[in-house]
Amino acid sequence: MRVAVAEDGALFRQGLVLLLEAAGHEVVACEAGGDPLVARLSTIPADVALLDIRMPPEPDGGLVTAERLRAAHPDMGLLFLSHYAESHYLMRILEIGTDRIGYRLKEKVGSVEVLSDTLTRIADGEIVIEPELAKRLVERPRSEKRDLVASLSERERDVLKLMAEGRSNNGIASTLFVSAKAVEKHVANIFDKLGLHADTSAHHRRVQAVLTYLRSQRGDT
């Protein structure tokens, strides 16, 4: 696929280019900050943009850049890379969008296989969250959401964690070594216990289920 990169660290930026090219992707733009990337992508199409969260324009230029790119190119995927697994970054990212978007730690995407898999899932419309962050947010909820967490079985929490990582039902079934039908049942139970009823789309309910737990981590109401 056609990939654009914005990263202010020269060594990491060049490392990303090498990984992407080794995976067979075409790097159509490679910039040290958000403003020049937005300018380049106004005339050059890209399937996914890789953005460092902490880059020019300071302090969190990746987030500002992503807002501009999503407004100008709503079908472009966005992958945020950072050294930091921060829930407030994730909440900002989810305000930008809940599809074709991802948040991964830099040290976790150091191989062709992992980076390519992440890009493919984002290009396919998924939301991809760093597993470490998703697990922390699901397993350590706060505020009045504790009762909702306690109402979920251990298996349901496993399923919700994988949902938070952006996995499809088939992907969850493969990871947990259960049938797709069993996953569908667990997902339905999660929706029911979180009060997410069938008057909205399944995709919307999946997003809302994840957001409920992300907000509980922050103590939001």
C-alpha atoms as a PDB file:
ATOM      1  CA  MET A   1       0.000   0.000   0.000  1.00  0.00           C
ATOM      2  CA  ARG A   2       0.971   3.667  -0.250  1.00  0.00           C
ATOM      3  CA  VAL A   3       2.244   4.924   3.111  1.00  0.00           C
ATOM      4  CA  ALA A   4       3.182   8.404   4.376  1.00  0.00           C
ATOM      5  CA  VAL A   5       5.454   8.934   7.376  1.00  0.00           C
ATOM      6  CA  ALA A   6       5.849  11.879   9.765  1.00  0.00           C
ATOM      7  CA  GLU A   7       8.452  11.386  12.527  1.00  0.00           C
ATOM      8  CA  ASP A   8      10.881  13.959  13.929  1.00  0.00           C
ATOM      9  CA  GLY A   9      13.472  11.393  15.025  1.00  0.00           C
ATOM     10  CA  ALA A  10      15.744  10.950  12.005  1.00  0.00           C
ATOM     11  CA  LEU A  11      16.985   7.450  12.888  1.00  0.00           C
ATOM     12  CA  PHE A  12      13.528   6.084  13.680  1.00  0.00           C
ATOM     13  CA  ARG A  13      12.098   7.762  10.586  1.00  0.00           C
ATOM     14  CA  GLN A  14      14.651   6.087   8.342  1.00  0.00           C
ATOM     15  CA  GLY A  15      14.117   2.786  10.149  1.00  0.00           C
ATOM     16  CA  LEU A  16      10.395   2.972   9.402  1.00  0.00           C
ATOM     17  CA  VAL A  17      11.110   3.610   5.737  1.00  0.00           C
ATOM     18  CA  LEU A  18      13.377   0.553   5.569  1.00  0.00           C
ATOM     19  CA  LEU A  19      10.778  -1.639   7.297  1.00  0.00           C
ATOM     20  CA  LEU A  20       7.989  -0.414   5.049  1.00  0.00           C
ATOM     21  CA  GLU A  21       9.978  -0.925   1.874  1.00  0.00           C
ATOM     22  CA  ALA A  22      11.102  -4.374   3.057  1.00  0.00           C
ATOM     23  CA  ALA A  23       7.421  -5.259   3.470  1.00  0.00           C
ATOM     24  CA  GLY A  24       6.706  -4.196  -0.103  1.00  0.00           C
ATOM     25  CA  HIS A  25       4.953  -0.907   0.672  1.00  0.00           C
ATOM     26  CA  GLU A  26       5.566   2.346  -1.198  1.00  0.00           C
ATOM     27  CA  VAL A  27       6.615   5.310   0.963  1.00  0.00           C
ATOM     28  CA  VAL A  28       5.048   8.286  -0.818  1.00  0.00           C
ATOM     29  CA  ALA A  29       6.054  10.940   1.732  1.00  0.00           C
ATOM     30  CA  CYS A  30       8.554  11.089   4.594  1.00  0.00           C
ATOM     31  CA  GLU A  31       8.628  14.240   6.723  1.00  0.00           C
ATOM     32  CA  ALA A  32       9.946  15.417  10.090  1.00  0.00           C
ATOM     33  CA  GLY A  33       6.725  17.138  11.117  1.00  0.00           C
ATOM     34  CA  GLY A  34       3.003  17.396  10.579  1.00  0.00           C
ATOM     35  CA  ASP A  35       2.763  20.589   8.556  1.00  0.00           C
ATOM     36  CA  PRO A  36       4.974  19.436   5.662  1.00  0.00           C
ATOM     37  CA  LEU A  37       3.208  16.066   5.620  1.00  0.00           C
ATOM     38  CA  VAL A  38      -0.217  17.683   5.303  1.00  0.00           C
ATOM     39  CA  ALA A  39       1.132  19.832   2.466  1.00  0.00           C
ATOM     40  CA  ARG A  40       2.581  16.793   0.628  1.00  0.00           C
ATOM     41  CA  LEU A  41      -0.585  14.760   1.020  1.00  0.00           C
ATOM     42  CA  SER A  42      -2.690  17.535  -0.474  1.00  0.00           C
ATOM     43  CA  THR A  43      -1.387  16.395  -3.877  1.00  0.00           C
ATOM     44  CA  ILE A  44      -0.132  12.831  -3.274  1.00  0.00           C
ATOM     45  CA  PRO A  45      -2.578  10.034  -2.341  1.00  0.00           C
ATOM     46  CA  ALA A  46      -1.792   7.659   0.546  1.00  0.00           C
ATOM     47  CA  ASP A  47      -3.589   4.685   2.056  1.00  0.00           C
ATOM     48  CA  VAL A  48      -2.202   5.111   5.579  1.00  0.00           C
ATOM     49  CA  ALA A  49      -0.258   7.857   7.382  1.00  0.00           C
ATOM     50  CA  LEU A  50       2.163   6.927  10.200  1.00  0.00           C
ATOM     51  CA  LEU A  51       2.379   9.718  12.749  1.00  0.00           C
ATOM     52  CA  ASP A  52       4.579  10.283  15.775  1.00  0.00           C
ATOM     53  CA  ILE A  53       2.349  11.701  18.520  1.00  0.00           C
ATOM     54  CA  ARG A  54       5.031  14.008  19.945  1.00  0.00           C
ATOM     55  CA  MET A  55       6.374  15.869  16.927  1.00  0.00           C
ATOM     56  CA  PRO A  56       6.126  19.366  15.436  1.00  0.00           C
ATOM     57  CA  PRO A  57       3.906  21.295  15.635  1.00  0.00           C
ATOM     58  CA  GLU A  58       4.559  20.989  19.362  1.00  0.00           C
ATOM     59  CA  PRO A  59       3.640  19.552  21.742  1.00  0.00           C
ATOM     60  CA  ASP A  60       1.437  16.794  20.296  1.00  0.00           C
ATOM     61  CA  GLY A  61       1.703  17.481  16.599  1.00  0.00           C
ATOM     62  CA  GLY A  62       0.673  13.992  15.561  1.00  0.00           C
ATOM     63  CA  LEU A  63      -2.801  14.485  16.994  1.00  0.00           C
ATOM     64  CA  VAL A  64      -3.263  17.892  15.353  1.00  0.00           C
ATOM     65  CA  THR A  65      -1.954  16.528  12.058  1.00  0.00           C
ATOM     66  CA  ALA A  66      -4.323  13.559  12.245  1.00  0.00           C
ATOM     67  CA  GLU A  67      -7.328  15.832  12.747  1.00  0.00           C
ATOM     68  CA  ARG A  68      -6.367  17.756   9.625  1.00  0.00           C
ATOM     69  CA  LEU A  69      -5.745  14.612   7.584  1.00  0.00           C
ATOM     70  CA  ARG A  70      -8.996  12.935   8.677  1.00  0.00           C
ATOM     71  CA  ALA A  71     -10.950  16.073   7.716  1.00  0.00           C
ATOM     72  CA  ALA A  72      -9.252  16.332   4.300  1.00  0.00           C
ATOM     73  CA  HIS A  73      -8.948  12.588   3.566  1.00  0.00           C
ATOM     74  CA  PRO A  74     -11.629  10.693   5.521  1.00  0.00           C
ATOM     75  CA  ASP A  75     -10.725   7.346   3.923  1.00  0.00           C
ATOM     76  CA  MET A  76      -7.029   7.546   4.837  1.00  0.00           C
ATOM     77  CA  GLY A  77      -5.884   5.253   7.631  1.00  0.00           C
ATOM     78  CA  LEU A  78      -3.994   6.736  10.579  1.00  0.00           C
ATOM     79  CA  LEU A  79      -1.393   4.934  12.690  1.00  0.00           C
ATOM     80  CA  PHE A  80      -0.045   6.748  15.752  1.00  0.00           C
ATOM     81  CA  LEU A  81       3.333   5.676  17.103  1.00  0.00           C
ATOM     82  CA  SER A  82       4.670   6.656  20.506  1.00  0.00           C
ATOM     83  CA  HIS A  83       7.093   5.648  23.241  1.00  0.00           C
ATOM     84  CA  TYR A  84       4.272   6.228  25.728  1.00  0.00           C
ATOM     85  CA  ALA A  85       1.132   4.171  26.435  1.00  0.00           C
ATOM     86  CA  GLU A  86      -1.110   6.947  27.733  1.00  0.00           C
ATOM     87  CA  SER A  87      -4.877   6.708  28.148  1.00  0.00           C
ATOM     88  CA  HIS A  88      -5.359  10.439  27.500  1.00  0.00           C
ATOM     89  CA  TYR A  89      -3.660  10.058  24.123  1.00  0.00           C
ATOM     90  CA  LEU A  90      -5.943   7.154  23.300  1.00  0.00           C
ATOM     91  CA  MET A  91      -9.048   9.143  24.203  1.00  0.00           C
ATOM     92  CA  ARG A  92      -7.902  12.001  21.942  1.00  0.00           C
ATOM     93  CA  ILE A  93      -7.280   9.503  19.138  1.00  0.00           C
ATOM     94  CA  LEU A  94     -10.736   7.972  19.511  1.00  0.00           C
ATOM     95  CA  GLU A  95     -12.255  11.440  19.277  1.00  0.00           C
ATOM     96  CA  ILE A  96     -10.610  11.717  15.838  1.00  0.00           C
ATOM     97  CA  GLY A  97     -12.137   8.440  14.698  1.00  0.00           C
ATOM     98  CA  THR A  98     -12.989   4.868  15.567  1.00  0.00           C
ATOM     99  CA  ASP A  99     -12.200   3.182  12.266  1.00  0.00           C
ATOM    100  CA  ARG A 100      -9.085   2.943  10.104  1.00  0.00           C
ATOM    101  CA  ILE A 101      -7.032   4.129  13.066  1.00  0.00           C
ATOM    102  CA  GLY A 102      -4.398   2.693  15.390  1.00  0.00           C
ATOM    103  CA  TYR A 103      -2.158   3.456  18.374  1.00  0.00           C
ATOM    104  CA  ARG A 104       0.980   1.341  18.833  1.00  0.00           C
ATOM    105  CA  LEU A 105       4.142   1.620  20.895  1.00  0.00           C
ATOM    106  CA  LYS A 106       7.261   2.223  18.823  1.00  0.00           C
ATOM    107  CA  GLU A 107       9.192  -0.654  20.358  1.00  0.00           C
ATOM    108  CA  LYS A 108       6.394  -3.076  19.419  1.00  0.00           C
ATOM    109  CA  VAL A 109       6.435  -2.410  15.665  1.00  0.00           C
ATOM    110  CA  GLY A 110      10.096  -3.160  15.046  1.00  0.00           C
ATOM    111  CA  SER A 111       9.518  -6.045  12.649  1.00  0.00           C
ATOM    112  CA  VAL A 112       8.189  -6.247   9.122  1.00  0.00           C
ATOM    113  CA  GLU A 113       5.497  -8.730  10.169  1.00  0.00           C
ATOM    114  CA  VAL A 114       4.063  -6.677  13.049  1.00  0.00           C
ATOM    115  CA  LEU A 115       4.131  -3.382  11.172  1.00  0.00           C
ATOM    116  CA  SER A 116       2.565  -4.897   8.057  1.00  0.00           C
ATOM    117  CA  ASP A 117      -0.160  -6.659  10.049  1.00  0.00           C
ATOM    118  CA  THR A 118      -1.018  -3.400  11.835  1.00  0.00           C
ATOM    119  CA  LEU A 119      -1.176  -1.443   8.576  1.00  0.00           C
ATOM    120  CA  THR A 120      -3.312  -4.085   6.887  1.00  0.00           C
ATOM    121  CA  ARG A 121      -5.844  -4.144   9.718  1.00  0.00           C
ATOM    122  CA  ILE A 122      -6.088  -0.345   9.685  1.00  0.00           C
ATOM    123  CA  ALA A 123      -6.481  -0.243   5.892  1.00  0.00           C
ATOM    124  CA  ASP A 124      -9.256  -2.830   6.253  1.00  0.00           C
ATOM    125  CA  GLY A 125     -11.177  -0.429   8.505  1.00  0.00           C
ATOM    126  CA  GLU A 126     -10.248  -1.757  11.943  1.00  0.00           C
ATOM    127  CA  ILE A 127      -9.201   0.094  15.080  1.00  0.00           C
ATOM    128  CA  VAL A 128      -5.891  -1.262  16.416  1.00  0.00           C
ATOM    129  CA  ILE A 129      -4.892  -0.493  20.000  1.00  0.00           C
ATOM    130  CA  GLU A 130      -1.612  -1.515  21.611  1.00  0.00           C
ATOM    131  CA  PRO A 131      -2.478  -4.735  23.505  1.00  0.00           C
ATOM    132  CA  GLU A 132      -0.642  -3.570  26.635  1.00  0.00           C
ATOM    133  CA  LEU A 133      -2.737  -0.412  26.783  1.00  0.00           C
ATOM    134  CA  ALA A 134      -5.988  -2.170  25.940  1.00  0.00           C
ATOM    135  CA  LYS A 135      -5.372  -4.755  28.656  1.00  0.00           C
ATOM    136  CA  ARG A 136      -4.571  -2.090  31.244  1.00  0.00           C
ATOM    137  CA  LEU A 137      -7.678  -0.086  30.407  1.00  0.00           C
ATOM    138  CA  VAL A 138      -9.981  -3.097  30.492  1.00  0.00           C
ATOM    139  CA  GLU A 139      -8.560  -4.730  33.598  1.00  0.00           C
ATOM    140  CA  ARG A 140      -8.122  -1.617  35.741  1.00  0.00           C
ATOM    141  CA  PRO A 141     -11.389   0.335  35.444  1.00  0.00           C
ATOM    142  CA  ARG A 142     -12.280   3.100  37.882  1.00  0.00           C
ATOM    143  CA  SER A 143     -15.225   5.117  39.213  1.00  0.00           C
ATOM    144  CA  GLU A 144     -18.812   3.874  39.074  1.00  0.00           C
ATOM    145  CA  LYS A 145     -17.974   1.537  36.164  1.00  0.00           C
ATOM    146  CA  ARG A 146     -16.620  -1.021  38.663  1.00  0.00           C
ATOM    147  CA  ASP A 147     -20.035  -2.660  38.928  1.00  0.00           C
ATOM    148  CA  LEU A 148     -20.131  -3.131  35.162  1.00  0.00           C
ATOM    149  CA  VAL A 149     -16.703  -4.715  35.190  1.00  0.00           C
ATOM    150  CA  ALA A 150     -17.684  -7.042  38.014  1.00  0.00           C
ATOM    151  CA  SER A 151     -20.725  -8.165  36.027  1.00  0.00           C
ATOM    152  CA  LEU A 152     -18.556  -9.525  33.217  1.00  0.00           C
ATOM    153  CA  SER A 153     -17.202 -13.042  33.369  1.00  0.00           C
ATOM    154  CA  GLU A 154     -13.484 -13.654  32.958  1.00  0.00           C
ATOM    155  CA  ARG A 155     -14.044 -14.913  29.416  1.00  0.00           C
ATOM    156  CA  GLU A 156     -16.167 -11.864  28.560  1.00  0.00           C
ATOM    157  CA  ARG A 157     -13.371  -9.619  29.763  1.00  0.00           C
ATOM    158  CA  ASP A 158     -10.938 -11.545  27.577  1.00  0.00           C
ATOM    159  CA  VAL A 159     -13.245 -10.968  24.623  1.00  0.00           C
ATOM    160  CA  LEU A 160     -13.643  -7.270  25.446  1.00  0.00           C
ATOM    161  CA  LYS A 161      -9.871  -6.819  25.687  1.00  0.00           C
ATOM    162  CA  LEU A 162      -9.470  -8.288  22.209  1.00  0.00           C
ATOM    163  CA  MET A 163     -12.338  -6.119  20.947  1.00  0.00           C
ATOM    164  CA  ALA A 164     -10.442  -3.125  22.345  1.00  0.00           C
ATOM    165  CA  GLU A 165      -7.438  -4.194  20.270  1.00  0.00           C
ATOM    166  CA  GLY A 166      -9.613  -4.039  17.170  1.00  0.00           C
ATOM    167  CA  ARG A 167      -9.986  -7.789  16.601  1.00  0.00           C
ATOM    168  CA  SER A 168     -12.896  -9.136  14.592  1.00  0.00           C
ATOM    169  CA  ASN A 169     -15.053 -11.973  15.943  1.00  0.00           C
ATOM    170  CA  ASN A 170     -13.106 -14.460  13.844  1.00  0.00           C
ATOM    171  CA  GLY A 171      -9.832 -13.008  15.103  1.00  0.00           C
ATOM    172  CA  ILE A 172     -11.019 -13.293  18.694  1.00  0.00           C
ATOM    173  CA  ALA A 173     -12.128 -16.883  18.133  1.00  0.00           C
ATOM    174  CA  SER A 174      -8.728 -17.785  16.705  1.00  0.00           C
ATOM    175  CA  THR A 175      -6.857 -16.133  19.585  1.00  0.00           C
ATOM    176  CA  LEU A 176      -8.980 -17.751  22.313  1.00  0.00           C
ATOM    177  CA  PHE A 177      -9.282 -21.122  20.517  1.00  0.00           C
ATOM    178  CA  VAL A 178     -13.071 -21.062  20.617  1.00  0.00           C
ATOM    179  CA  SER A 179     -15.736 -21.085  17.925  1.00  0.00           C
ATOM    180  CA  ALA A 180     -16.963 -17.923  16.213  1.00  0.00           C
ATOM    181  CA  LYS A 181     -20.449 -18.772  17.507  1.00  0.00           C
ATOM    182  CA  ALA A 182     -19.134 -18.773  21.091  1.00  0.00           C
ATOM    183  CA  VAL A 183     -17.566 -15.360  20.536  1.00  0.00           C
ATOM    184  CA  GLU A 184     -20.852 -14.014  19.151  1.00  0.00           C
ATOM    185  CA  LYS A 185     -22.570 -15.174  22.344  1.00  0.00           C
ATOM    186  CA  HIS A 186     -19.957 -13.514  24.562  1.00  0.00           C
ATOM    187  CA  VAL A 187     -20.190 -10.266  22.574  1.00  0.00           C
ATOM    188  CA  ALA A 188     -23.984 -10.284  22.898  1.00  0.00           C
ATOM    189  CA  ASN A 189     -23.639 -10.783  26.671  1.00  0.00           C
ATOM    190  CA  ILE A 190     -21.186  -7.888  26.886  1.00  0.00           C
ATOM    191  CA  PHE A 191     -23.560  -5.605  25.001  1.00  0.00           C
ATOM    192  CA  ASP A 192     -26.415  -6.631  27.292  1.00  0.00           C
ATOM    193  CA  LYS A 193     -24.468  -6.104  30.531  1.00  0.00           C
ATOM    194  CA  LEU A 194     -23.245  -2.698  29.360  1.00  0.00           C
ATOM    195  CA  GLY A 195     -26.746  -1.645  28.360  1.00  0.00           C
ATOM    196  CA  LEU A 196     -25.920  -1.461  24.656  1.00  0.00           C
ATOM    197  CA  HIS A 197     -29.096  -2.707  23.054  1.00  0.00           C
ATOM    198  CA  ALA A 198     -29.927  -3.746  19.515  1.00  0.00           C
ATOM    199  CA  ASP A 199     -31.422  -0.422  18.401  1.00  0.00           C
ATOM    200  CA  THR A 200     -27.963   0.597  17.113  1.00  0.00           C
ATOM    201  CA  SER A 201     -25.567  -1.116  14.703  1.00  0.00           C
ATOM    202  CA  ALA A 202     -23.248  -3.885  15.871  1.00  0.00           C
ATOM    203  CA  HIS A 203     -20.221  -1.807  14.852  1.00  0.00           C
ATOM    204  CA  HIS A 204     -21.453   1.152  16.887  1.00  0.00           C
ATOM    205  CA  ARG A 205     -22.087  -1.058  19.911  1.00  0.00           C
ATOM    206  CA  ARG A 206     -18.576  -2.527  19.667  1.00  0.00           C
ATOM    207  CA  VAL A 207     -17.093   0.964  19.677  1.00  0.00           C
ATOM    208  CA  GLN A 208     -19.326   2.023  22.554  1.00  0.00           C
ATOM    209  CA  ALA A 209     -18.348  -1.065  24.566  1.00  0.00           C
ATOM    210  CA  VAL A 210     -14.684  -0.204  24.204  1.00  0.00           C
ATOM    211  CA  LEU A 211     -15.257   3.497  24.927  1.00  0.00           C
ATOM    212  CA  THR A 212     -17.160   2.629  28.109  1.00  0.00           C
ATOM    213  CA  TYR A 213     -14.062   0.973  29.475  1.00  0.00           C
ATOM    214  CA  LEU A 214     -11.646   3.610  28.241  1.00  0.00           C
ATOM    215  CA  ARG A 215     -13.728   6.254  29.960  1.00  0.00           C
ATOM    216  CA  SER A 216     -13.906   4.200  33.150  1.00  0.00           C
ATOM    217  CA  GLN A 217     -10.119   4.147  33.223  1.00  0.00           C
ATOM    218  CA  ARG A 218     -10.165   7.937  33.274  1.00  0.00           C
ATOM    219  CA  GLY A 219     -12.970   8.052  35.819  1.00  0.00           C
ATOM    220  CA  ASP A 220     -15.359   9.703  33.354  1.00  0.00           C
ATOM    221  CA  THR A 221     -19.110   9.445  33.891  1.00  0.00           C
END
